[in-house]
PDB file of all heavy atoms in Angstrom:
ATOM      1  N   THR A   1      23.650 -31.610   4.496  1.00  0.00           N
ATOM      2  CA  THR A   1      24.900 -31.414   5.231  1.00  0.00           C
ATOM      3  C   THR A   1      26.038 -31.032   4.290  1.00  0.00           C
ATOM      4  O   THR A   1      26.908 -30.231   4.655  1.00  0.00           O
ATOM      5  CB  THR A   1      25.275 -32.668   6.045  1.00  0.00           C
ATOM      6  OG1 THR A   1      25.502 -33.772   5.166  1.00  0.00           O
ATOM      7  CG2 THR A   1      24.199 -33.010   7.059  1.00  0.00           C
ATOM      8  N   ILE A   2      26.014 -31.563   3.087  1.00  0.00           N
ATOM      9  CA  ILE A   2      27.057 -31.208   2.115  1.00  0.00           C
ATOM     10  C   ILE A   2      26.870 -29.767   1.648  1.00  0.00           C
ATOM     11  O   ILE A   2      27.841 -29.021   1.487  1.00  0.00           O
ATOM     12  CB  ILE A   2      27.062 -32.194   0.929  1.00  0.00           C
ATOM     13  CG1 ILE A   2      27.380 -33.610   1.425  1.00  0.00           C
ATOM     14  CG2 ILE A   2      28.085 -31.760  -0.111  1.00  0.00           C
ATOM     15  CD1 ILE A   2      27.153 -34.697   0.384  1.00  0.00           C
ATOM     16  N   ILE A   3      25.617 -29.351   1.472  1.00  0.00           N
ATOM     17  CA  ILE A   3      25.345 -27.959   1.110  1.00  0.00           C
ATOM     18  C   ILE A   3      25.822 -27.022   2.217  1.00  0.00           C
ATOM     19  O   ILE A   3      26.360 -25.946   1.946  1.00  0.00           O
ATOM     20  CB  ILE A   3      23.837 -27.749   0.808  1.00  0.00           C
ATOM     21  CG1 ILE A   3      23.510 -28.264  -0.599  1.00  0.00           C
ATOM     22  CG2 ILE A   3      23.425 -26.287   0.936  1.00  0.00           C
ATOM     23  CD1 ILE A   3      24.134 -27.468  -1.730  1.00  0.00           C
ATOM     24  N   ARG A   4      25.642 -27.419   3.472  1.00  0.00           N
ATOM     25  CA  ARG A   4      26.147 -26.595   4.585  1.00  0.00           C
ATOM     26  C   ARG A   4      27.666 -26.470   4.510  1.00  0.00           C
ATOM     27  O   ARG A   4      28.227 -25.417   4.790  1.00  0.00           O
ATOM     28  CB  ARG A   4      25.736 -27.196   5.934  1.00  0.00           C
ATOM     29  CG  ARG A   4      24.288 -26.984   6.293  1.00  0.00           C
ATOM     30  CD  ARG A   4      24.020 -25.540   6.626  1.00  0.00           C
ATOM     31  NE  ARG A   4      22.704 -25.390   7.226  1.00  0.00           N
ATOM     32  CZ  ARG A   4      22.021 -24.270   7.221  1.00  0.00           C
ATOM     33  NH1 ARG A   4      22.490 -23.192   6.632  1.00  0.00           N
ATOM     34  NH2 ARG A   4      20.836 -24.199   7.792  1.00  0.00           N
ATOM     35  N   ARG A   5      28.340 -27.565   4.135  1.00  0.00           N
ATOM     36  CA  ARG A   5      29.792 -27.503   3.977  1.00  0.00           C
ATOM     37  C   ARG A   5      30.147 -26.575   2.821  1.00  0.00           C
ATOM     38  O   ARG A   5      31.082 -25.761   2.925  1.00  0.00           O
ATOM     39  CB  ARG A   5      30.375 -28.892   3.746  1.00  0.00           C
ATOM     40  CG  ARG A   5      31.876 -28.862   3.509  1.00  0.00           C
ATOM     41  CD  ARG A   5      32.578 -30.160   3.820  1.00  0.00           C
ATOM     42  NE  ARG A   5      31.883 -31.332   3.351  1.00  0.00           N
ATOM     43  CZ  ARG A   5      32.057 -31.892   2.155  1.00  0.00           C
ATOM     44  NH1 ARG A   5      32.883 -31.351   1.278  1.00  0.00           N
ATOM     45  NH2 ARG A   5      31.418 -32.995   1.820  1.00  0.00           N
ATOM     46  N   ALA A   6      29.412 -26.681   1.721  1.00  0.00           N
ATOM     47  CA  ALA A   6      29.648 -25.781   0.589  1.00  0.00           C
ATOM     48  C   ALA A   6      29.481 -24.327   1.024  1.00  0.00           C
ATOM     49  O   ALA A   6      30.259 -23.456   0.624  1.00  0.00           O
ATOM     50  CB  ALA A   6      28.694 -26.112  -0.557  1.00  0.00           C
ATOM     51  N   GLU A   7      28.481 -24.080   1.850  1.00  0.00           N
ATOM     52  CA  GLU A   7      28.259 -22.716   2.341  1.00  0.00           C
ATOM     53  C   GLU A   7      29.462 -22.223   3.142  1.00  0.00           C
ATOM     54  O   GLU A   7      29.909 -21.079   2.971  1.00  0.00           O
ATOM     55  CB  GLU A   7      26.995 -22.680   3.203  1.00  0.00           C
ATOM     56  CG  GLU A   7      26.641 -21.303   3.710  1.00  0.00           C
ATOM     57  CD  GLU A   7      25.378 -21.311   4.564  1.00  0.00           C
ATOM     58  OE1 GLU A   7      24.997 -22.384   5.086  1.00  0.00           O
ATOM     59  OE2 GLU A   7      24.787 -20.233   4.732  1.00  0.00           O
ATOM     60  N   ARG A   8      30.008 -23.076   4.000  1.00  0.00           N
ATOM     61  CA  ARG A   8      31.190 -22.678   4.774  1.00  0.00           C
ATOM     62  C   ARG A   8      32.367 -22.388   3.844  1.00  0.00           C
ATOM     63  O   ARG A   8      33.112 -21.428   4.050  1.00  0.00           O
ATOM     64  CB  ARG A   8      31.559 -23.766   5.781  1.00  0.00           C
ATOM     65  CG  ARG A   8      30.519 -23.973   6.865  1.00  0.00           C
ATOM     66  CD  ARG A   8      31.003 -24.887   7.975  1.00  0.00           C
ATOM     67  NE  ARG A   8      31.355 -26.224   7.545  1.00  0.00           N
ATOM     68  CZ  ARG A   8      30.502 -27.258   7.467  1.00  0.00           C
ATOM     69  NH1 ARG A   8      29.228 -27.090   7.790  1.00  0.00           N
ATOM     70  NH2 ARG A   8      30.920 -28.447   7.081  1.00  0.00           N
ATOM     71  N   ARG A   9      32.524 -23.211   2.811  1.00  0.00           N
ATOM     72  CA  ARG A   9      33.604 -22.994   1.845  1.00  0.00           C
ATOM     73  C   ARG A   9      33.395 -21.684   1.086  1.00  0.00           C
ATOM     74  O   ARG A   9      34.354 -20.969   0.789  1.00  0.00           O
ATOM     75  CB  ARG A   9      33.686 -24.158   0.847  1.00  0.00           C
ATOM     76  CG  ARG A   9      33.967 -25.514   1.442  1.00  0.00           C
ATOM     77  CD  ARG A   9      35.306 -25.559   2.163  1.00  0.00           C
ATOM     78  NE  ARG A   9      35.665 -26.896   2.554  1.00  0.00           N
ATOM     79  CZ  ARG A   9      35.456 -27.409   3.778  1.00  0.00           C
ATOM     80  NH1 ARG A   9      34.897 -26.677   4.715  1.00  0.00           N
ATOM     81  NH2 ARG A   9      35.839 -28.637   4.059  1.00  0.00           N
ATOM     82  N   LEU A  10      32.151 -21.381   0.773  1.00  0.00           N
ATOM     83  CA  LEU A  10      31.858 -20.140   0.050  1.00  0.00           C
ATOM     84  C   LEU A  10      32.135 -18.912   0.903  1.00  0.00           C
ATOM     85  O   LEU A  10      32.587 -17.889   0.391  1.00  0.00           O
ATOM     86  CB  LEU A  10      30.406 -20.147  -0.427  1.00  0.00           C
ATOM     87  CG  LEU A  10      30.110 -21.103  -1.584  1.00  0.00           C
ATOM     88  CD1 LEU A  10      28.606 -21.282  -1.756  1.00  0.00           C
ATOM     89  CD2 LEU A  10      30.750 -20.625  -2.869  1.00  0.00           C
ATOM     90  N   VAL A  11      31.880 -19.005   2.192  1.00  0.00           N
ATOM     91  CA  VAL A  11      32.177 -17.886   3.092  1.00  0.00           C
ATOM     92  C   VAL A  11      33.685 -17.626   3.102  1.00  0.00           C
ATOM     93  O   VAL A  11      34.136 -16.474   3.046  1.00  0.00           O
ATOM     94  CB  VAL A  11      31.646 -18.158   4.511  1.00  0.00           C
ATOM     95  CG1 VAL A  11      32.180 -17.140   5.509  1.00  0.00           C
ATOM     96  CG2 VAL A  11      30.115 -18.143   4.509  1.00  0.00           C
ATOM     97  N   ILE A  12      34.470 -18.698   3.162  1.00  0.00           N
ATOM     98  CA  ILE A  12      35.928 -18.551   3.096  1.00  0.00           C
ATOM     99  C   ILE A  12      36.321 -17.955   1.746  1.00  0.00           C
ATOM    100  O   ILE A  12      37.125 -17.023   1.673  1.00  0.00           O
ATOM    101  CB  ILE A  12      36.621 -19.908   3.313  1.00  0.00           C
ATOM    102  CG1 ILE A  12      36.387 -20.411   4.741  1.00  0.00           C
ATOM    103  CG2 ILE A  12      38.123 -19.815   3.011  1.00  0.00           C
ATOM    104  CD1 ILE A  12      36.814 -21.848   4.979  1.00  0.00           C
ATOM    105  N   LEU A  13      35.735 -18.485   0.685  1.00  0.00           N
ATOM    106  CA  LEU A  13      36.052 -18.016  -0.662  1.00  0.00           C
ATOM    107  C   LEU A  13      35.734 -16.539  -0.835  1.00  0.00           C
ATOM    108  O   LEU A  13      36.494 -15.802  -1.460  1.00  0.00           O
ATOM    109  CB  LEU A  13      35.273 -18.858  -1.689  1.00  0.00           C
ATOM    110  CG  LEU A  13      35.436 -18.491  -3.159  1.00  0.00           C
ATOM    111  CD1 LEU A  13      36.897 -18.614  -3.585  1.00  0.00           C
ATOM    112  CD2 LEU A  13      34.546 -19.373  -4.020  1.00  0.00           C
ATOM    113  N   GLN A  14      34.639 -16.105  -0.245  1.00  0.00           N
ATOM    114  CA  GLN A  14      34.224 -14.707  -0.389  1.00  0.00           C
ATOM    115  C   GLN A  14      35.278 -13.745   0.153  1.00  0.00           C
ATOM    116  O   GLN A  14      35.386 -12.613  -0.305  1.00  0.00           O
ATOM    117  CB  GLN A  14      32.883 -14.486   0.314  1.00  0.00           C
ATOM    118  CG  GLN A  14      32.247 -13.149  -0.008  1.00  0.00           C
ATOM    119  CD  GLN A  14      30.897 -12.990   0.663  1.00  0.00           C
ATOM    120  OE1 GLN A  14      30.736 -13.376   1.813  1.00  0.00           O
ATOM    121  NE2 GLN A  14      29.955 -12.423  -0.046  1.00  0.00           N
ATOM    122  N   SER A  15      36.068 -14.208   1.131  1.00  0.00           N
ATOM    123  CA  SER A  15      37.083 -13.329   1.707  1.00  0.00           C
ATOM    124  C   SER A  15      38.300 -13.153   0.797  1.00  0.00           C
ATOM    125  O   SER A  15      39.094 -12.237   1.003  1.00  0.00           O
ATOM    126  CB  SER A  15      37.529 -13.864   3.075  1.00  0.00           C
ATOM    127  OG  SER A  15      38.219 -15.093   2.921  1.00  0.00           O
ATOM    128  N   VAL A  16      38.438 -14.024  -0.214  1.00  0.00           N
ATOM    129  CA  VAL A  16      39.612 -13.930  -1.088  1.00  0.00           C
ATOM    130  C   VAL A  16      39.265 -13.822  -2.570  1.00  0.00           C
ATOM    131  O   VAL A  16      40.137 -13.595  -3.395  1.00  0.00           O
ATOM    132  CB  VAL A  16      40.549 -15.158  -0.883  1.00  0.00           C
ATOM    133  CG1 VAL A  16      41.124 -15.166   0.509  1.00  0.00           C
ATOM    134  CG2 VAL A  16      39.830 -16.458  -1.202  1.00  0.00           C
ATOM    135  N   PHE A  17      38.001 -13.989  -2.912  1.00  0.00           N
ATOM    136  CA  PHE A  17      37.591 -13.994  -4.312  1.00  0.00           C
ATOM    137  C   PHE A  17      36.237 -13.316  -4.415  1.00  0.00           C
ATOM    138  O   PHE A  17      35.381 -13.509  -3.551  1.00  0.00           O
ATOM    139  CB  PHE A  17      37.508 -15.451  -4.817  1.00  0.00           C
ATOM    140  CG  PHE A  17      37.194 -15.592  -6.269  1.00  0.00           C
ATOM    141  CD1 PHE A  17      38.159 -15.318  -7.229  1.00  0.00           C
ATOM    142  CD2 PHE A  17      35.944 -16.011  -6.692  1.00  0.00           C
ATOM    143  CE1 PHE A  17      37.875 -15.454  -8.580  1.00  0.00           C
ATOM    144  CE2 PHE A  17      35.645 -16.157  -8.037  1.00  0.00           C
ATOM    145  CZ  PHE A  17      36.624 -15.874  -8.982  1.00  0.00           C
ATOM    146  N   SER A  18      36.030 -12.542  -5.441  1.00  0.00           N
ATOM    147  CA  SER A  18      34.784 -11.798  -5.592  1.00  0.00           C
ATOM    148  C   SER A  18      33.655 -12.720  -6.057  1.00  0.00           C
ATOM    149  O   SER A  18      33.662 -13.178  -7.199  1.00  0.00           O
ATOM    150  CB  SER A  18      34.981 -10.666  -6.605  1.00  0.00           C
ATOM    151  OG  SER A  18      33.770  -9.967  -6.787  1.00  0.00           O
ATOM    152  N   ILE A  19      32.722 -13.005  -5.141  1.00  0.00           N
ATOM    153  CA  ILE A  19      31.525 -13.762  -5.531  1.00  0.00           C
ATOM    154  C   ILE A  19      30.298 -12.973  -5.103  1.00  0.00           C
ATOM    155  O   ILE A  19      30.337 -12.201  -4.153  1.00  0.00           O
ATOM    156  CB  ILE A  19      31.489 -15.179  -4.921  1.00  0.00           C
ATOM    157  CG1 ILE A  19      31.419 -15.123  -3.393  1.00  0.00           C
ATOM    158  CG2 ILE A  19      32.663 -16.009  -5.373  1.00  0.00           C
ATOM    159  CD1 ILE A  19      31.125 -16.470  -2.760  1.00  0.00           C
ATOM    160  N   GLU A  20      29.237 -13.175  -5.815  1.00  0.00           N
ATOM    161  CA  GLU A  20      27.974 -12.509  -5.508  1.00  0.00           C
ATOM    162  C   GLU A  20      27.463 -12.973  -4.142  1.00  0.00           C
ATOM    163  O   GLU A  20      27.392 -14.180  -3.880  1.00  0.00           O
ATOM    164  CB  GLU A  20      26.926 -12.831  -6.572  1.00  0.00           C
ATOM    165  CG  GLU A  20      27.140 -12.128  -7.882  1.00  0.00           C
ATOM    166  CD  GLU A  20      26.785 -10.654  -7.814  1.00  0.00           C
ATOM    167  OE1 GLU A  20      25.941 -10.264  -6.991  1.00  0.00           O
ATOM    168  OE2 GLU A  20      27.370  -9.899  -8.591  1.00  0.00           O
ATOM    169  N   THR A  21      27.087 -12.034  -3.287  1.00  0.00           N
ATOM    170  CA  THR A  21      26.567 -12.414  -1.966  1.00  0.00           C
ATOM    171  C   THR A  21      25.251 -13.176  -2.092  1.00  0.00           C
ATOM    172  O   THR A  21      24.904 -13.967  -1.216  1.00  0.00           O
ATOM    173  CB  THR A  21      26.361 -11.179  -1.070  1.00  0.00           C
ATOM    174  OG1 THR A  21      25.524 -10.235  -1.753  1.00  0.00           O
ATOM    175  CG2 THR A  21      27.693 -10.523  -0.744  1.00  0.00           C
ATOM    176  N   SER A  22      24.541 -12.972  -3.194  1.00  0.00           N
ATOM    177  CA  SER A  22      23.281 -13.693  -3.393  1.00  0.00           C
ATOM    178  C   SER A  22      23.501 -15.197  -3.521  1.00  0.00           C
ATOM    179  O   SER A  22      22.591 -15.986  -3.277  1.00  0.00           O
ATOM    180  CB  SER A  22      22.551 -13.160  -4.629  1.00  0.00           C
ATOM    181  OG  SER A  22      23.367 -13.292  -5.784  1.00  0.00           O
ATOM    182  N   ILE A  23      24.721 -15.603  -3.885  1.00  0.00           N
ATOM    183  CA  ILE A  23      25.037 -17.033  -3.938  1.00  0.00           C
ATOM    184  C   ILE A  23      24.936 -17.632  -2.540  1.00  0.00           C
ATOM    185  O   ILE A  23      24.393 -18.716  -2.355  1.00  0.00           O
ATOM    186  CB  ILE A  23      26.429 -17.266  -4.562  1.00  0.00           C
ATOM    187  CG1 ILE A  23      26.391 -16.930  -6.060  1.00  0.00           C
ATOM    188  CG2 ILE A  23      26.915 -18.699  -4.334  1.00  0.00           C
ATOM    189  CD1 ILE A  23      27.742 -17.015  -6.768  1.00  0.00           C
ATOM    190  N   LEU A  24      25.452 -16.907  -1.548  1.00  0.00           N
ATOM    191  CA  LEU A  24      25.364 -17.380  -0.165  1.00  0.00           C
ATOM    192  C   LEU A  24      23.913 -17.476   0.288  1.00  0.00           C
ATOM    193  O   LEU A  24      23.535 -18.423   0.978  1.00  0.00           O
ATOM    194  CB  LEU A  24      26.142 -16.455   0.769  1.00  0.00           C
ATOM    195  CG  LEU A  24      27.664 -16.478   0.628  1.00  0.00           C
ATOM    196  CD1 LEU A  24      28.293 -15.408   1.506  1.00  0.00           C
ATOM    197  CD2 LEU A  24      28.208 -17.849   0.980  1.00  0.00           C
ATOM    198  N   THR A  25      23.095 -16.518  -0.106  1.00  0.00           N
ATOM    199  CA  THR A  25      21.677 -16.555   0.256  1.00  0.00           C
ATOM    200  C   THR A  25      21.008 -17.779  -0.340  1.00  0.00           C
ATOM    201  O   THR A  25      20.280 -18.504   0.342  1.00  0.00           O
ATOM    202  CB  THR A  25      20.963 -15.279  -0.235  1.00  0.00           C
ATOM    203  OG1 THR A  25      21.609 -14.133   0.325  1.00  0.00           O
ATOM    204  CG2 THR A  25      19.495 -15.279   0.163  1.00  0.00           C
ATOM    205  N   PHE A  26      21.258 -18.040  -1.620  1.00  0.00           N
ATOM    206  CA  PHE A  26      20.670 -19.199  -2.287  1.00  0.00           C
ATOM    207  C   PHE A  26      21.071 -20.492  -1.585  1.00  0.00           C
ATOM    208  O   PHE A  26      20.231 -21.348  -1.298  1.00  0.00           O
ATOM    209  CB  PHE A  26      21.089 -19.239  -3.759  1.00  0.00           C
ATOM    210  CG  PHE A  26      20.612 -20.473  -4.473  1.00  0.00           C
ATOM    211  CD1 PHE A  26      19.327 -20.544  -4.990  1.00  0.00           C
ATOM    212  CD2 PHE A  26      21.441 -21.576  -4.612  1.00  0.00           C
ATOM    213  CE1 PHE A  26      18.874 -21.690  -5.631  1.00  0.00           C
ATOM    214  CE2 PHE A  26      21.004 -22.728  -5.257  1.00  0.00           C
ATOM    215  CZ  PHE A  26      19.714 -22.783  -5.768  1.00  0.00           C
ATOM    216  N   VAL A  27      22.348 -20.646  -1.312  1.00  0.00           N
ATOM    217  CA  VAL A  27      22.842 -21.874  -0.690  1.00  0.00           C
ATOM    218  C   VAL A  27      22.266 -22.043   0.716  1.00  0.00           C
ATOM    219  O   VAL A  27      21.901 -23.151   1.121  1.00  0.00           O
ATOM    220  CB  VAL A  27      24.388 -21.896  -0.699  1.00  0.00           C
ATOM    221  CG1 VAL A  27      24.943 -23.039   0.123  1.00  0.00           C
ATOM    222  CG2 VAL A  27      24.898 -21.985  -2.134  1.00  0.00           C
ATOM    223  N   ASN A  28      22.135 -20.942   1.445  1.00  0.00           N
ATOM    224  CA  ASN A  28      21.544 -21.014   2.784  1.00  0.00           C
ATOM    225  C   ASN A  28      20.085 -21.458   2.718  1.00  0.00           C
ATOM    226  O   ASN A  28      19.652 -22.326   3.492  1.00  0.00           O
ATOM    227  CB  ASN A  28      21.678 -19.656   3.481  1.00  0.00           C
ATOM    228  CG  ASN A  28      21.244 -19.712   4.917  1.00  0.00           C
ATOM    229  OD1 ASN A  28      20.094 -19.435   5.231  1.00  0.00           O
ATOM    230  ND2 ASN A  28      22.160 -20.076   5.792  1.00  0.00           N
ATOM    231  N   ARG A  29      19.316 -20.897   1.791  1.00  0.00           N
ATOM    232  CA  ARG A  29      17.919 -21.305   1.636  1.00  0.00           C
ATOM    233  C   ARG A  29      17.820 -22.755   1.172  1.00  0.00           C
ATOM    234  O   ARG A  29      16.932 -23.490   1.589  1.00  0.00           O
ATOM    235  CB  ARG A  29      17.184 -20.427   0.626  1.00  0.00           C
ATOM    236  CG  ARG A  29      16.929 -19.024   1.025  1.00  0.00           C
ATOM    237  CD  ARG A  29      16.178 -18.839   2.337  1.00  0.00           C
ATOM    238  NE  ARG A  29      16.041 -17.430   2.613  1.00  0.00           N
ATOM    239  CZ  ARG A  29      17.024 -16.654   3.087  1.00  0.00           C
ATOM    240  NH1 ARG A  29      18.215 -17.162   3.348  1.00  0.00           N
ATOM    241  NH2 ARG A  29      16.813 -15.368   3.294  1.00  0.00           N
ATOM    242  N   LEU A  30      18.750 -23.151   0.317  1.00  0.00           N
ATOM    243  CA  LEU A  30      18.729 -24.518  -0.188  1.00  0.00           C
ATOM    244  C   LEU A  30      18.908 -25.522   0.942  1.00  0.00           C
ATOM    245  O   LEU A  30      18.221 -26.543   0.986  1.00  0.00           O
ATOM    246  CB  LEU A  30      19.810 -24.702  -1.253  1.00  0.00           C
ATOM    247  CG  LEU A  30      19.888 -26.077  -1.908  1.00  0.00           C
ATOM    248  CD1 LEU A  30      18.536 -26.503  -2.469  1.00  0.00           C
ATOM    249  CD2 LEU A  30      20.960 -26.082  -2.986  1.00  0.00           C
ATOM    250  N   SER A  31      19.791 -25.242   1.884  1.00  0.00           N
ATOM    251  CA  SER A  31      19.971 -26.179   2.995  1.00  0.00           C
ATOM    252  C   SER A  31      18.702 -26.268   3.837  1.00  0.00           C
ATOM    253  O   SER A  31      18.315 -27.354   4.282  1.00  0.00           O
ATOM    254  CB  SER A  31      21.175 -25.789   3.856  1.00  0.00           C
ATOM    255  OG  SER A  31      20.978 -24.550   4.482  1.00  0.00           O
ATOM    256  N   ASP A  32      18.029 -25.131   4.027  1.00  0.00           N
ATOM    257  CA  ASP A  32      16.756 -25.156   4.764  1.00  0.00           C
ATOM    258  C   ASP A  32      15.700 -25.955   3.999  1.00  0.00           C
ATOM    259  O   ASP A  32      14.923 -26.709   4.587  1.00  0.00           O
ATOM    260  CB  ASP A  32      16.245 -23.730   4.993  1.00  0.00           C
ATOM    261  CG  ASP A  32      17.097 -22.944   5.978  1.00  0.00           C
ATOM    262  OD1 ASP A  32      17.798 -23.576   6.796  1.00  0.00           O
ATOM    263  OD2 ASP A  32      17.065 -21.705   5.914  1.00  0.00           O
ATOM    264  N   LEU A  33      15.680 -25.779   2.681  1.00  0.00           N
ATOM    265  CA  LEU A  33      14.722 -26.514   1.853  1.00  0.00           C
ATOM    266  C   LEU A  33      14.965 -28.016   1.942  1.00  0.00           C
ATOM    267  O   LEU A  33      14.020 -28.805   2.056  1.00  0.00           O
ATOM    268  CB  LEU A  33      14.815 -26.051   0.397  1.00  0.00           C
ATOM    269  CG  LEU A  33      13.947 -26.830  -0.592  1.00  0.00           C
ATOM    270  CD1 LEU A  33      12.467 -26.613  -0.297  1.00  0.00           C
ATOM    271  CD2 LEU A  33      14.280 -26.436  -2.018  1.00  0.00           C
ATOM    272  N   LEU A  34      16.214 -28.420   1.913  1.00  0.00           N
ATOM    273  CA  LEU A  34      16.520 -29.847   1.974  1.00  0.00           C
ATOM    274  C   LEU A  34      16.143 -30.440   3.333  1.00  0.00           C
ATOM    275  O   LEU A  34      15.670 -31.575   3.410  1.00  0.00           O
ATOM    276  CB  LEU A  34      17.998 -30.087   1.651  1.00  0.00           C
ATOM    277  CG  LEU A  34      18.387 -29.748   0.204  1.00  0.00           C
ATOM    278  CD1 LEU A  34      19.890 -29.860   0.008  1.00  0.00           C
ATOM    279  CD2 LEU A  34      17.639 -30.616  -0.789  1.00  0.00           C
TER     280      LEU A  34
END
């Protein structure tokens, strides 16, 4: 659940700061793995 929150924060961050989209993919898979 905390990883899901991190994912939501990263989506917000992506709109204002340049981050690799692959980070979102990793975090999404990680929540499924957990």
